[in-house]
Amino acid sequence: MKKVLIAGATGYLGTYLVQEAKQRGYWVRALVRTSSRFDDIKDSVDDLFVAEATRPETLQGVCDGIEVIVSALGVAGPRPGDTTPVADVDYGGNHNILGEALKASVKKFIYVAFINFPAFQHLDITHIKEKFISELQGSGLEYCVMRPTAYFSDMGNFIEMAKKGTAYLIGHGRYRVNPIHGADLAKVCIDMIDSDEQEVLVGGPREYTYEEAARLAFSVVGKDPKIKKIPAWPFALALKVLRPFISKRKFTLVQFMLAAFQNDAVTPKYGSHTLEDYFKELSEQ
């Protein structure tokens, strides 16, 4: 029985990774920042390791006995009161885990990154993730870089806006994306434990324009669609002017959001979960 470490185990994707790995018969250690959210995964975990990945001294021993690491560690979005730079988590945290992996003779490291299409290569978040990927590729470990498009959780704001009566889109709303459910992505990630593939592009089973996703949300909540489209250039200009005055974390996340609304992000299709069903789940909460 292989022993697997899941980093970022209580996040949107991490929770599904833990469950999928356990269902496949692997021994699972979950790396989490705090045990307060442990209830969601406790039935699928053989060992819990509480540590702050950005503080390497807290990680000592995290990889002992581990054969494969699957890391979904990264900043998923704004968190009230948290100004930790994205680079400290997405690069620094994974760098620290990799250091422990090398000391413990881990065999393989599976890293969940993001698509690296030309339209996204100028972004700070891309530079941060690619810096770690380069380090991983040169580490001597077996590796696989997962490159999903948007998660279903990234689309959840459409339900919140639809409930309030108005959805706002940045730009014309016609760019396309095929978001993927965490459970479907987790299956692909865990498949890679015994695969020789080193890079996997993956998305959900259906493409949507951002406007179509917004209209779907209104349909789910039973309201007539009211969609307002806002030109992107004022946001881009404001972000450029405000860069010296806002946190690196906020700049990186807003810069990424603007790029996402202004470019296609379509990858090979996988999975069976639908965005409509996900929206229905959110609408009932």
Foldseek 3Di string as FASTA:
>chain_A
DAEEEEEPLLDQLNVLLLVVCQVVPHAYEYEEQDCPSVVSRVVSHPHYQHDDLLDLVSCAPVCARHAEYEYPWFDPDDDPPDQPARLSTLQRSVVSVVVNCLVRVHAEYEYEAADCDPLCVVAPSNVSNVVNVVVRVPSPHQYAYEHEYAALVVLQVLLVQLVVPEAEAEPPQFAKEAAYYSNFVSVVRVVCVPDNHRYHYEGAADMDGRVRSSCLSNVLLVHDYHYHYHYLVVVVVVLVVCVVPDRNRVSNRSVVVSSSRVHHHYTDHTDDDDSSVVSNVSSVD
